[in-house]
Amino acid sequence: MQEAAQVLEEAQSELSPQQLIGALVKKGELTDPGSPRGRLLNAAARLFEQKGFSRTTVRDLAAEVGILSGSIFHHFSSKEQILCEVMKEVTIFASARMRSAMESAGSPQERLRACIQSELEAIHEQAVPGFSILVMEWRSLSEASQKEVLLQRDEYEQIWLDAINTAQCPGGDAAVVRRLLVGALSHTYSWFKPREKGLTIPELSDRVFQIFAP
């Protein structure tokens, strides 16, 4: 009986980032972070966040992982393709993490709150490395690359729309509510400092939820 309860508790608990990455790699949805290609993508995510896409050179990327510059082109055709792949993989991971958080929640309202906290954690670099690149470097992509990333972003946004509809948020149109949430959550990057304001991300999630939930 105790063993059954433990299995149920584990099934309902949210996967750790490492467990989630491992599951996504096994399914072929994410690049193995330990592979040469994966190491390049992780290095690129760090440098694009720190220095910006335009100021990060191929030589910078090569130095970060300890290879020759020319070796990068065995894996990617251009620096822009690296940015595109980083954005796609960040979105895939963010989507999977949000689903995992929702699955461990109970009511529709709790699932919406899980979405809010997941996105705040991603924005403030506590769970999804490279998430800010999705906004900051969008214009660095060509139109063709933007279309590739949008296919993944649409899936991420659909998770939000489903959660908003199921929770029956006031305001009616789920797309409008989501746009309002995007503005509110993304703007916290400019003013909210979890370690300085005395307000934690879970506490801020509660306050946002109280505004948007029924």
C-alpha atoms as a PDB file:
ATOM      1  CA  MET A   1       0.000   0.000   0.000  1.00  0.00           C
ATOM      2  CA  GLN A   2       2.827   2.359   0.941  1.00  0.00           C
ATOM      3  CA  GLU A   3       4.710   1.440  -2.263  1.00  0.00           C
ATOM      4  CA  ALA A   4       1.627   2.217  -4.373  1.00  0.00           C
ATOM      5  CA  ALA A   5       1.256   5.599  -2.714  1.00  0.00           C
ATOM      6  CA  GLN A   6       4.910   6.373  -3.394  1.00  0.00           C
ATOM      7  CA  VAL A   7       4.543   5.454  -7.081  1.00  0.00           C
ATOM      8  CA  LEU A   8       1.471   7.686  -7.348  1.00  0.00           C
ATOM      9  CA  GLU A   9       3.286  10.571  -5.659  1.00  0.00           C
ATOM     10  CA  GLU A  10       6.268  10.222  -8.033  1.00  0.00           C
ATOM     11  CA  ALA A  11       3.980  10.095 -11.071  1.00  0.00           C
ATOM     12  CA  GLN A  12       2.270  13.296  -9.998  1.00  0.00           C
ATOM     13  CA  SER A  13       5.457  15.195  -9.083  1.00  0.00           C
ATOM     14  CA  GLU A  14       7.072  17.581 -11.507  1.00  0.00           C
ATOM     15  CA  LEU A  15      10.138  16.260 -13.306  1.00  0.00           C
ATOM     16  CA  SER A  16      13.453  17.914 -12.519  1.00  0.00           C
ATOM     17  CA  PRO A  17      15.111  19.837 -15.389  1.00  0.00           C
ATOM     18  CA  GLN A  18      17.695  17.067 -15.740  1.00  0.00           C
ATOM     19  CA  GLN A  19      15.025  14.362 -15.911  1.00  0.00           C
ATOM     20  CA  LEU A  20      13.045  16.385 -18.420  1.00  0.00           C
ATOM     21  CA  ILE A  21      16.064  17.022 -20.643  1.00  0.00           C
ATOM     22  CA  GLY A  22      16.938  13.324 -20.508  1.00  0.00           C
ATOM     23  CA  ALA A  23      13.405  12.341 -21.526  1.00  0.00           C
ATOM     24  CA  LEU A  24      13.365  14.848 -24.408  1.00  0.00           C
ATOM     25  CA  VAL A  25      16.788  13.700 -25.634  1.00  0.00           C
ATOM     26  CA  LYS A  26      15.611  10.088 -25.528  1.00  0.00           C
ATOM     27  CA  LYS A  27      12.553  11.020 -27.608  1.00  0.00           C
ATOM     28  CA  GLY A  28      14.764  12.834 -30.119  1.00  0.00           C
ATOM     29  CA  GLU A  29      13.194  16.229 -29.417  1.00  0.00           C
ATOM     30  CA  LEU A  30      16.298  17.837 -27.895  1.00  0.00           C
ATOM     31  CA  THR A  31      19.986  17.580 -28.739  1.00  0.00           C
ATOM     32  CA  ASP A  32      22.035  15.644 -26.201  1.00  0.00           C
ATOM     33  CA  PRO A  33      23.765  18.419 -24.184  1.00  0.00           C
ATOM     34  CA  GLY A  34      26.857  16.227 -23.864  1.00  0.00           C
ATOM     35  CA  SER A  35      27.287  15.820 -27.628  1.00  0.00           C
ATOM     36  CA  PRO A  36      29.485  18.197 -29.681  1.00  0.00           C
ATOM     37  CA  ARG A  37      26.386  19.766 -31.228  1.00  0.00           C
ATOM     38  CA  GLY A  38      24.709  20.071 -27.829  1.00  0.00           C
ATOM     39  CA  ARG A  39      27.761  21.691 -26.269  1.00  0.00           C
ATOM     40  CA  LEU A  40      27.802  24.255 -29.084  1.00  0.00           C
ATOM     41  CA  LEU A  41      24.115  25.059 -28.633  1.00  0.00           C
ATOM     42  CA  ASN A  42      24.509  25.493 -24.867  1.00  0.00           C
ATOM     43  CA  ALA A  43      27.575  27.689 -25.326  1.00  0.00           C
ATOM     44  CA  ALA A  44      25.740  29.769 -27.924  1.00  0.00           C
ATOM     45  CA  ALA A  45      22.754  30.256 -25.592  1.00  0.00           C
ATOM     46  CA  ARG A  46      25.057  31.537 -22.841  1.00  0.00           C
ATOM     47  CA  LEU A  47      27.017  33.878 -25.117  1.00  0.00           C
ATOM     48  CA  PHE A  48      23.967  35.213 -26.976  1.00  0.00           C
ATOM     49  CA  GLU A  49      22.414  36.098 -23.598  1.00  0.00           C
ATOM     50  CA  GLN A  50      25.594  37.661 -22.227  1.00  0.00           C
ATOM     51  CA  LYS A  51      26.958  39.468 -25.292  1.00  0.00           C
ATOM     52  CA  GLY A  52      24.099  39.498 -27.776  1.00  0.00           C
ATOM     53  CA  PHE A  53      23.926  37.685 -31.104  1.00  0.00           C
ATOM     54  CA  SER A  54      25.589  40.392 -33.204  1.00  0.00           C
ATOM     55  CA  ARG A  55      28.557  40.768 -30.840  1.00  0.00           C
ATOM     56  CA  THR A  56      29.170  37.040 -30.486  1.00  0.00           C
ATOM     57  CA  THR A  57      31.580  35.747 -33.116  1.00  0.00           C
ATOM     58  CA  VAL A  58      32.103  32.242 -34.415  1.00  0.00           C
ATOM     59  CA  ARG A  59      35.542  32.449 -32.833  1.00  0.00           C
ATOM     60  CA  ASP A  60      33.894  33.202 -29.467  1.00  0.00           C
ATOM     61  CA  LEU A  61      31.705  30.122 -29.816  1.00  0.00           C
ATOM     62  CA  ALA A  62      34.637  27.922 -30.768  1.00  0.00           C
ATOM     63  CA  ALA A  63      36.732  29.177 -27.852  1.00  0.00           C
ATOM     64  CA  GLU A  64      33.854  28.548 -25.435  1.00  0.00           C
ATOM     65  CA  VAL A  65      33.798  24.827 -26.279  1.00  0.00           C
ATOM     66  CA  GLY A  66      37.511  24.455 -27.053  1.00  0.00           C
ATOM     67  CA  ILE A  67      37.404  23.716 -30.777  1.00  0.00           C
ATOM     68  CA  LEU A  68      38.646  25.359 -33.983  1.00  0.00           C
ATOM     69  CA  SER A  69      36.293  27.883 -35.595  1.00  0.00           C
ATOM     70  CA  GLY A  70      35.977  25.830 -38.762  1.00  0.00           C
ATOM     71  CA  SER A  71      34.761  22.803 -36.801  1.00  0.00           C
ATOM     72  CA  ILE A  72      31.510  24.626 -36.033  1.00  0.00           C
ATOM     73  CA  PHE A  73      30.481  24.354 -39.661  1.00  0.00           C
ATOM     74  CA  HIS A  74      30.500  20.564 -39.433  1.00  0.00           C
ATOM     75  CA  HIS A  75      27.353  21.000 -37.328  1.00  0.00           C
ATOM     76  CA  PHE A  76      25.773  24.262 -38.533  1.00  0.00           C
ATOM     77  CA  SER A  77      25.794  26.133 -41.833  1.00  0.00           C
ATOM     78  CA  SER A  78      25.919  29.613 -40.267  1.00  0.00           C
ATOM     79  CA  LYS A  79      25.798  31.552 -37.007  1.00  0.00           C
ATOM     80  CA  GLU A  80      22.167  32.373 -37.762  1.00  0.00           C
ATOM     81  CA  GLN A  81      21.310  28.687 -37.972  1.00  0.00           C
ATOM     82  CA  ILE A  82      22.820  28.264 -34.501  1.00  0.00           C
ATOM     83  CA  LEU A  83      20.556  31.041 -33.192  1.00  0.00           C
ATOM     84  CA  CYS A  84      17.534  29.444 -34.859  1.00  0.00           C
ATOM     85  CA  GLU A  85      18.308  26.032 -33.349  1.00  0.00           C
ATOM     86  CA  VAL A  86      18.888  27.568 -29.907  1.00  0.00           C
ATOM     87  CA  MET A  87      15.484  29.277 -30.055  1.00  0.00           C
ATOM     88  CA  LYS A  88      13.733  26.104 -31.180  1.00  0.00           C
ATOM     89  CA  GLU A  89      15.295  23.967 -28.466  1.00  0.00           C
ATOM     90  CA  VAL A  90      14.645  26.584 -25.764  1.00  0.00           C
ATOM     91  CA  THR A  91      10.974  26.660 -26.801  1.00  0.00           C
ATOM     92  CA  ILE A  92      10.700  22.867 -26.864  1.00  0.00           C
ATOM     93  CA  PHE A  93      12.149  22.649 -23.360  1.00  0.00           C
ATOM     94  CA  ALA A  94       9.991  25.523 -22.053  1.00  0.00           C
ATOM     95  CA  SER A  95       6.868  23.820 -23.450  1.00  0.00           C
ATOM     96  CA  ALA A  96       7.763  20.458 -21.924  1.00  0.00           C
ATOM     97  CA  ARG A  97       8.568  22.039 -18.570  1.00  0.00           C
ATOM     98  CA  MET A  98       5.257  23.886 -18.512  1.00  0.00           C
ATOM     99  CA  ARG A  99       3.363  20.695 -19.331  1.00  0.00           C
ATOM    100  CA  SER A 100       5.205  18.890 -16.549  1.00  0.00           C
ATOM    101  CA  ALA A 101       4.300  21.642 -14.069  1.00  0.00           C
ATOM    102  CA  MET A 102       0.655  21.516 -15.155  1.00  0.00           C
ATOM    103  CA  GLU A 103       0.468  17.732 -14.846  1.00  0.00           C
ATOM    104  CA  SER A 104       1.564  17.954 -11.210  1.00  0.00           C
ATOM    105  CA  ALA A 105      -1.131  20.576 -10.504  1.00  0.00           C
ATOM    106  CA  GLY A 106      -4.703  19.748  -9.587  1.00  0.00           C
ATOM    107  CA  SER A 107      -7.532  22.079 -10.565  1.00  0.00           C
ATOM    108  CA  PRO A 108      -7.720  24.169 -13.750  1.00  0.00           C
ATOM    109  CA  GLN A 109      -6.899  27.234 -11.654  1.00  0.00           C
ATOM    110  CA  GLU A 110      -3.815  25.531 -10.217  1.00  0.00           C
ATOM    111  CA  ARG A 111      -2.693  24.595 -13.738  1.00  0.00           C
ATOM    112  CA  LEU A 112      -2.976  28.218 -14.838  1.00  0.00           C
ATOM    113  CA  ARG A 113      -0.935  29.296 -11.836  1.00  0.00           C
ATOM    114  CA  ALA A 114       1.666  26.656 -12.786  1.00  0.00           C
ATOM    115  CA  CYS A 115       1.908  28.263 -16.247  1.00  0.00           C
ATOM    116  CA  ILE A 116       2.442  31.690 -14.683  1.00  0.00           C
ATOM    117  CA  GLN A 117       5.192  30.459 -12.381  1.00  0.00           C
ATOM    118  CA  SER A 118       6.880  28.433 -15.146  1.00  0.00           C
ATOM    119  CA  GLU A 119       7.091  31.465 -17.413  1.00  0.00           C
ATOM    120  CA  LEU A 120       8.335  33.752 -14.631  1.00  0.00           C
ATOM    121  CA  GLU A 121      11.044  31.227 -13.765  1.00  0.00           C
ATOM    122  CA  ALA A 122      12.051  31.071 -17.433  1.00  0.00           C
ATOM    123  CA  ILE A 123      12.107  34.870 -17.806  1.00  0.00           C
ATOM    124  CA  HIS A 124      14.278  35.228 -14.713  1.00  0.00           C
ATOM    125  CA  GLU A 125      16.683  32.489 -15.839  1.00  0.00           C
ATOM    126  CA  GLN A 126      15.894  30.068 -13.026  1.00  0.00           C
ATOM    127  CA  ALA A 127      14.724  27.155 -15.145  1.00  0.00           C
ATOM    128  CA  VAL A 128      15.034  27.636 -18.917  1.00  0.00           C
ATOM    129  CA  PRO A 129      18.480  28.922 -19.979  1.00  0.00           C
ATOM    130  CA  GLY A 130      18.269  31.133 -23.054  1.00  0.00           C
ATOM    131  CA  PHE A 131      14.585  32.025 -22.721  1.00  0.00           C
ATOM    132  CA  SER A 132      15.250  35.777 -22.995  1.00  0.00           C
ATOM    133  CA  ILE A 133      16.871  35.212 -26.393  1.00  0.00           C
ATOM    134  CA  LEU A 134      13.430  34.423 -27.802  1.00  0.00           C
ATOM    135  CA  VAL A 135      12.479  38.075 -27.346  1.00  0.00           C
ATOM    136  CA  MET A 136      15.779  39.919 -27.465  1.00  0.00           C
ATOM    137  CA  GLU A 137      17.132  38.346 -30.665  1.00  0.00           C
ATOM    138  CA  TRP A 138      13.943  37.750 -32.667  1.00  0.00           C
ATOM    139  CA  ARG A 139      14.873  40.380 -35.269  1.00  0.00           C
ATOM    140  CA  SER A 140      18.251  38.708 -35.821  1.00  0.00           C
ATOM    141  CA  LEU A 141      16.514  35.815 -37.575  1.00  0.00           C
ATOM    142  CA  SER A 142      15.678  35.749 -41.265  1.00  0.00           C
ATOM    143  CA  GLU A 143      12.032  35.384 -42.249  1.00  0.00           C
ATOM    144  CA  ALA A 144      12.555  31.708 -43.058  1.00  0.00           C
ATOM    145  CA  SER A 145      14.137  31.040 -39.664  1.00  0.00           C
ATOM    146  CA  GLN A 146      11.364  32.943 -37.893  1.00  0.00           C
ATOM    147  CA  LYS A 147       8.816  30.625 -39.493  1.00  0.00           C
ATOM    148  CA  GLU A 148      10.714  27.601 -38.140  1.00  0.00           C
ATOM    149  CA  VAL A 149      10.754  28.997 -34.615  1.00  0.00           C
ATOM    150  CA  LEU A 150       7.093  30.034 -34.818  1.00  0.00           C
ATOM    151  CA  LEU A 151       6.084  26.404 -35.342  1.00  0.00           C
ATOM    152  CA  GLN A 152       7.482  25.638 -31.887  1.00  0.00           C
ATOM    153  CA  ARG A 153       6.229  28.873 -30.341  1.00  0.00           C
ATOM    154  CA  ASP A 154       2.675  28.163 -31.533  1.00  0.00           C
ATOM    155  CA  GLU A 155       2.759  24.921 -29.565  1.00  0.00           C
ATOM    156  CA  TYR A 156       3.960  26.777 -26.455  1.00  0.00           C
ATOM    157  CA  GLU A 157       1.234  29.397 -26.824  1.00  0.00           C
ATOM    158  CA  GLN A 158      -1.434  26.728 -27.283  1.00  0.00           C
ATOM    159  CA  ILE A 159      -0.571  25.344 -23.848  1.00  0.00           C
ATOM    160  CA  TRP A 160      -1.285  28.799 -22.442  1.00  0.00           C
ATOM    161  CA  LEU A 161      -4.552  29.221 -24.361  1.00  0.00           C
ATOM    162  CA  ASP A 162      -5.801  25.814 -23.218  1.00  0.00           C
ATOM    163  CA  ALA A 163      -4.952  26.652 -19.589  1.00  0.00           C
ATOM    164  CA  ILE A 164      -6.681  30.051 -19.787  1.00  0.00           C
ATOM    165  CA  ASN A 165      -9.802  28.581 -21.391  1.00  0.00           C
ATOM    166  CA  THR A 166     -10.017  25.708 -18.924  1.00  0.00           C
ATOM    167  CA  ALA A 167      -9.581  28.045 -15.950  1.00  0.00           C
ATOM    168  CA  GLN A 168     -12.366  30.259 -17.364  1.00  0.00           C
ATOM    169  CA  CYS A 169     -10.441  33.480 -16.820  1.00  0.00           C
ATOM    170  CA  PRO A 170     -12.454  36.681 -16.696  1.00  0.00           C
ATOM    171  CA  GLY A 171     -12.008  38.799 -19.784  1.00  0.00           C
ATOM    172  CA  GLY A 172     -13.428  36.270 -22.205  1.00  0.00           C
ATOM    173  CA  ASP A 173     -11.116  35.905 -25.193  1.00  0.00           C
ATOM    174  CA  ALA A 174      -8.195  33.664 -24.204  1.00  0.00           C
ATOM    175  CA  ALA A 175      -5.928  35.244 -26.827  1.00  0.00           C
ATOM    176  CA  VAL A 176      -6.476  38.697 -25.309  1.00  0.00           C
ATOM    177  CA  VAL A 177      -5.865  37.399 -21.784  1.00  0.00           C
ATOM    178  CA  ARG A 178      -2.666  35.755 -22.978  1.00  0.00           C
ATOM    179  CA  ARG A 179      -1.439  38.984 -24.581  1.00  0.00           C
ATOM    180  CA  LEU A 180      -2.084  40.825 -21.341  1.00  0.00           C
ATOM    181  CA  LEU A 181      -0.210  38.132 -19.445  1.00  0.00           C
ATOM    182  CA  VAL A 182       2.728  38.288 -21.869  1.00  0.00           C
ATOM    183  CA  GLY A 183       3.036  42.018 -21.277  1.00  0.00           C
ATOM    184  CA  ALA A 184       2.746  41.698 -17.509  1.00  0.00           C
ATOM    185  CA  LEU A 185       5.161  38.773 -17.150  1.00  0.00           C
ATOM    186  CA  SER A 186       7.811  39.870 -19.640  1.00  0.00           C
ATOM    187  CA  HIS A 187       7.943  43.377 -18.159  1.00  0.00           C
ATOM    188  CA  THR A 188       8.967  41.947 -14.787  1.00  0.00           C
ATOM    189  CA  TYR A 189      12.419  41.400 -16.319  1.00  0.00           C
ATOM    190  CA  SER A 190      13.035  45.150 -16.054  1.00  0.00           C
ATOM    191  CA  TRP A 191      12.003  45.623 -12.415  1.00  0.00           C
ATOM    192  CA  PHE A 192      11.715  42.355 -10.513  1.00  0.00           C
ATOM    193  CA  LYS A 193      14.881  41.096  -8.811  1.00  0.00           C
ATOM    194  CA  PRO A 194      13.995  38.064  -6.687  1.00  0.00           C
ATOM    195  CA  ARG A 195      17.037  38.403  -4.440  1.00  0.00           C
ATOM    196  CA  GLU A 196      16.659  42.149  -3.912  1.00  0.00           C
ATOM    197  CA  LYS A 197      12.929  42.849  -3.595  1.00  0.00           C
ATOM    198  CA  GLY A 198      12.151  40.403  -0.821  1.00  0.00           C
ATOM    199  CA  LEU A 199       9.492  38.866  -3.066  1.00  0.00           C
ATOM    200  CA  THR A 200       9.966  35.344  -4.390  1.00  0.00           C
ATOM    201  CA  ILE A 201       8.850  34.068  -7.773  1.00  0.00           C
ATOM    202  CA  PRO A 202       6.166  31.825  -6.204  1.00  0.00           C
ATOM    203  CA  GLU A 203       4.846  34.842  -4.290  1.00  0.00           C
ATOM    204  CA  LEU A 204       4.833  36.990  -7.416  1.00  0.00           C
ATOM    205  CA  SER A 205       3.088  34.140  -9.268  1.00  0.00           C
ATOM    206  CA  ASP A 206       0.359  34.193  -6.626  1.00  0.00           C
ATOM    207  CA  ARG A 207      -0.184  37.935  -7.114  1.00  0.00           C
ATOM    208  CA  VAL A 208      -0.358  37.652 -10.902  1.00  0.00           C
ATOM    209  CA  PHE A 209      -2.740  34.729 -10.562  1.00  0.00           C
ATOM    210  CA  GLN A 210      -5.034  36.734  -8.269  1.00  0.00           C
ATOM    211  CA  ILE A 211      -5.314  39.416 -10.952  1.00  0.00           C
ATOM    212  CA  PHE A 212      -6.036  37.149 -13.913  1.00  0.00           C
ATOM    213  CA  ALA A 213      -7.833  34.143 -12.401  1.00  0.00           C
ATOM    214  CA  PRO A 214     -11.552  34.019 -11.520  1.00  0.00           C
END
